[in-house]
Amino acid sequence: MSMVKTPSTMLDLGTRAPSFSLPDPVTGRIVYRDDFADTKGLLVAFLCNHCPFVKHIADEFSAFAAEYQERGLAIVAINSNDIETHPEDSPGQMVTEAGKRGYTFPYLLDESQEIAKSYRAACTPDFFLFDNDFRLVYRGQFDASRPSLEAPVTGTDLRNASDAVLAGIAPTDLQIPSLGCNIKWKPGNAPDWFG
């Protein structure tokens, strides 16, 4: 399996969650960051449909999301890939993917790629966990599994961080970057800090 492995940028802990207002192709509505202002925490996950790293964790992430949403964690996923060069990540395919995986969270399209830039998202999957004040407390891997490894997909790292947020305490500062396919930037649109 040939893949370009790109790690998270590891945005500074304490960073405030950038605002967003993005369309959800599944429901047709616009979803705002501030829709989640009265929650115990907010997880923003940068995903897409075609990436082998996302496919590797997608079913377990869907199960994780359903469980942690029940416990009060708000979750959104954002697809920022260039849909001209990667039509498998188009809005119609996002609807199909959300249905196939049983996503219970909004799966949003960042067509301009400005939200990915504001979060310094670099790869898919890339996870940003914020506390109830929208302050970044975790950015790192779902777990240590990878498509090329035989380790089971458990979500251990993100589960531990989310458990801490739901308990009102800070997750450990020892955080391992996520690793995945690079975000597919539009020609000339890659940010200066990327690559």
Protein backbone atom coordinates (compact mmCIF):
# COMPACT_ATOMS: atom_id res chain seq x y z
CA MET A 1 0.00 0.00 0.00
CA SER A 2 1.66 3.23 -1.14
CA MET A 3 0.86 6.25 1.03
CA VAL A 4 2.47 9.55 1.94
CA LYS A 5 2.58 9.64 5.74
CA THR A 6 2.00 13.11 7.18
CA PRO A 7 1.94 13.83 10.94
CA SER A 8 -0.16 16.34 12.87
CA THR A 9 1.32 19.82 13.29
CA MET A 10 0.66 19.59 17.06
CA LEU A 11 -1.04 22.96 17.45
CA ASP A 12 -0.23 24.58 20.81
CA LEU A 13 -2.30 23.33 23.73
CA GLY A 14 -4.55 26.08 25.06
CA THR A 15 -5.30 27.42 21.56
CA ARG A 16 -8.93 28.51 21.23
CA ALA A 17 -10.99 26.56 18.70
CA PRO A 18 -11.27 28.64 15.52
CA SER A 19 -14.83 29.48 14.53
CA PHE A 20 -16.43 27.71 11.62
CA SER A 21 -19.70 27.73 9.72
CA LEU A 22 -19.76 24.87 7.24
CA PRO A 23 -22.38 22.93 5.29
CA ASP A 24 -23.35 19.41 6.27
CA PRO A 25 -24.13 17.58 2.99
CA VAL A 26 -26.10 14.93 4.90
CA THR A 27 -28.66 17.34 6.40
CA GLY A 28 -28.21 20.35 4.12
CA ARG A 29 -27.83 22.69 7.09
CA ILE A 30 -24.99 24.95 8.15
CA VAL A 31 -23.20 23.91 11.34
CA TYR A 32 -21.42 26.48 13.51
CA ARG A 33 -18.73 26.03 16.14
CA ASP A 34 -20.89 27.96 18.58
CA ASP A 35 -23.66 25.36 18.21
CA PHE A 36 -21.54 23.43 20.74
CA ALA A 37 -20.95 26.21 23.28
CA ASP A 38 -22.91 24.48 26.04
CA THR A 39 -21.27 21.07 25.85
CA LYS A 40 -18.67 19.33 28.03
CA GLY A 41 -16.14 19.47 25.19
CA LEU A 42 -15.78 19.53 21.41
CA LEU A 43 -13.87 17.12 19.22
CA VAL A 44 -13.07 18.36 15.71
CA ALA A 45 -11.86 15.53 13.46
CA PHE A 46 -10.48 16.14 9.98
CA LEU A 47 -11.50 13.12 7.91
CA CYS A 48 -12.15 12.20 4.29
CA ASN A 49 -13.55 9.21 2.44
CA HIS A 50 -10.64 7.83 0.43
CA CYS A 51 -7.64 7.91 2.80
CA PRO A 52 -6.42 4.43 3.89
CA PHE A 53 -5.62 5.79 7.36
CA VAL A 54 -9.20 7.01 7.80
CA LYS A 55 -10.65 3.79 6.39
CA HIS A 56 -8.51 1.89 8.89
CA ILE A 57 -10.16 3.55 11.91
CA ALA A 58 -13.53 4.67 10.51
CA ASP A 59 -15.75 1.96 11.98
CA GLU A 60 -14.15 2.16 15.42
CA PHE A 61 -14.24 5.96 15.30
CA SER A 62 -17.95 5.80 14.47
CA ALA A 63 -18.51 3.56 17.52
CA PHE A 64 -16.38 5.86 19.67
CA ALA A 65 -18.39 8.89 18.52
CA ALA A 66 -21.76 7.32 19.31
CA GLU A 67 -20.55 6.33 22.78
CA TYR A 68 -18.96 9.67 23.67
CA GLN A 69 -21.77 11.79 22.26
CA GLU A 70 -24.06 9.93 24.65
CA ARG A 71 -21.73 11.01 27.46
CA GLY A 72 -21.88 14.68 26.45
CA LEU A 73 -18.95 15.19 24.09
CA ALA A 74 -19.80 17.17 20.96
CA ILE A 75 -18.20 15.82 17.78
CA VAL A 76 -17.89 17.15 14.25
CA ALA A 77 -15.87 15.87 11.32
CA ILE A 78 -14.57 18.10 8.54
CA ASN A 79 -13.51 17.12 5.02
CA SER A 80 -11.13 19.73 3.57
CA ASN A 81 -9.78 17.81 0.58
CA ASP A 82 -9.81 19.25 -2.94
CA ILE A 83 -12.89 17.59 -4.44
CA GLU A 84 -11.79 18.48 -7.98
CA THR A 85 -8.71 16.26 -7.75
CA HIS A 86 -10.34 13.78 -5.34
CA PRO A 87 -13.99 13.37 -6.42
CA GLU A 88 -14.34 10.41 -4.05
CA ASP A 89 -14.44 13.07 -1.31
CA SER A 90 -17.29 15.03 -2.95
CA PRO A 91 -20.42 16.01 -1.00
CA GLY A 92 -22.45 13.18 -2.51
CA GLN A 93 -19.79 10.67 -1.53
CA MET A 94 -19.68 12.19 1.97
CA VAL A 95 -23.39 11.43 2.33
CA THR A 96 -22.74 7.85 1.22
CA GLU A 97 -19.78 7.48 3.60
CA ALA A 98 -21.71 8.87 6.58
CA GLY A 99 -24.51 6.40 5.94
CA LYS A 100 -22.18 3.46 5.38
CA ARG A 101 -20.22 4.12 8.58
CA GLY A 102 -23.23 5.12 10.69
CA TYR A 103 -21.82 8.55 11.54
CA THR A 104 -23.93 10.17 14.28
CA PHE A 105 -22.09 13.51 14.06
CA PRO A 106 -22.10 16.27 11.44
CA TYR A 107 -19.70 15.56 8.56
CA LEU A 108 -18.90 19.00 7.15
CA LEU A 109 -17.39 20.21 3.88
CA ASP A 110 -14.61 22.81 4.05
CA GLU A 111 -14.49 23.52 0.33
CA SER A 112 -12.39 26.70 0.69
CA GLN A 113 -9.91 24.85 2.95
CA GLU A 114 -9.79 27.91 5.21
CA ILE A 115 -10.96 25.98 8.26
CA ALA A 116 -8.24 23.36 7.82
CA LYS A 117 -5.73 26.20 7.66
CA SER A 118 -7.12 27.87 10.78
CA TYR A 119 -6.79 24.60 12.73
CA ARG A 120 -3.40 23.84 11.18
CA ALA A 121 -4.81 20.48 10.14
CA ALA A 122 -2.24 18.56 8.13
CA CYS A 123 -3.51 15.02 7.69
CA THR A 124 -6.48 12.71 7.70
CA PRO A 125 -7.29 11.71 10.33
CA ASP A 126 -6.32 14.70 12.47
CA PHE A 127 -8.00 15.18 15.87
CA PHE A 128 -8.44 18.36 17.93
CA LEU A 129 -10.12 18.01 21.33
CA PHE A 130 -11.27 21.15 23.14
CA ASP A 131 -12.62 21.61 26.65
CA ASN A 132 -15.88 23.35 27.51
CA ASP A 133 -14.18 26.73 27.04
CA PHE A 134 -13.08 25.79 23.50
CA ARG A 135 -9.43 25.52 24.65
CA LEU A 136 -7.30 22.84 22.99
CA VAL A 137 -6.39 20.06 25.42
CA TYR A 138 -5.50 17.19 23.06
CA ARG A 139 -4.23 16.87 19.51
CA GLY A 140 -2.87 13.53 18.56
CA GLN A 141 -3.50 10.03 17.39
CA PHE A 142 -6.67 7.96 17.74
CA ASP A 143 -4.43 5.10 18.87
CA ALA A 144 -1.17 3.40 17.86
CA SER A 145 -2.71 1.29 15.09
CA ARG A 146 -1.87 1.99 11.46
CA PRO A 147 -2.95 0.34 8.18
CA SER A 148 0.45 -1.35 7.90
CA LEU A 149 0.44 -2.67 11.48
CA GLU A 150 -1.43 -5.55 13.05
CA ALA A 151 -2.25 -3.61 16.23
CA PRO A 152 -6.00 -3.53 16.92
CA VAL A 153 -7.94 -0.30 16.44
CA THR A 154 -9.10 0.69 19.93
CA GLY A 155 -9.07 4.50 20.05
CA THR A 156 -7.17 4.28 23.36
CA ASP A 157 -5.37 7.63 23.12
CA LEU A 158 -8.44 9.64 22.14
CA ARG A 159 -10.62 7.75 24.63
CA ASN A 160 -8.25 8.57 27.49
CA ALA A 161 -8.16 12.25 26.51
CA SER A 162 -11.95 12.39 26.13
CA ASP A 163 -12.48 10.68 29.48
CA ALA A 164 -10.33 13.38 31.08
CA VAL A 165 -12.28 16.19 29.41
CA LEU A 166 -15.61 14.69 30.48
CA ALA A 167 -14.27 14.43 34.04
CA GLY A 168 -13.25 18.09 33.94
CA ILE A 169 -9.51 17.44 34.14
CA ALA A 170 -6.69 18.04 31.69
CA PRO A 171 -5.47 15.12 29.56
CA THR A 172 -1.81 14.20 29.77
CA ASP A 173 0.59 16.52 27.96
CA LEU A 174 2.34 13.44 26.56
CA GLN A 175 0.57 13.27 23.20
CA ILE A 176 1.62 11.41 20.05
CA PRO A 177 0.88 13.06 16.69
CA SER A 178 -1.71 11.53 14.44
CA LEU A 179 -0.39 10.15 11.19
CA GLY A 180 -2.24 9.98 7.91
CA CYS A 181 -2.55 11.11 4.33
CA ASN A 182 -1.84 14.79 3.80
CA ILE A 183 -4.81 17.06 3.22
CA LYS A 184 -5.23 17.40 -0.52
CA TRP A 185 -4.71 21.13 -0.95
CA LYS A 186 -5.99 22.93 -4.02
CA PRO A 187 -3.23 24.05 -6.41
CA GLY A 188 -1.43 26.99 -4.83
CA ASN A 189 -3.50 26.78 -1.65
CA ALA A 190 -1.18 24.84 0.67
CA PRO A 191 -0.29 26.96 3.71
CA ASP A 192 3.28 28.14 4.27
CA TRP A 193 3.69 25.88 7.30
CA PHE A 194 2.69 22.76 5.37
CA GLY A 195 5.42 20.46 4.11
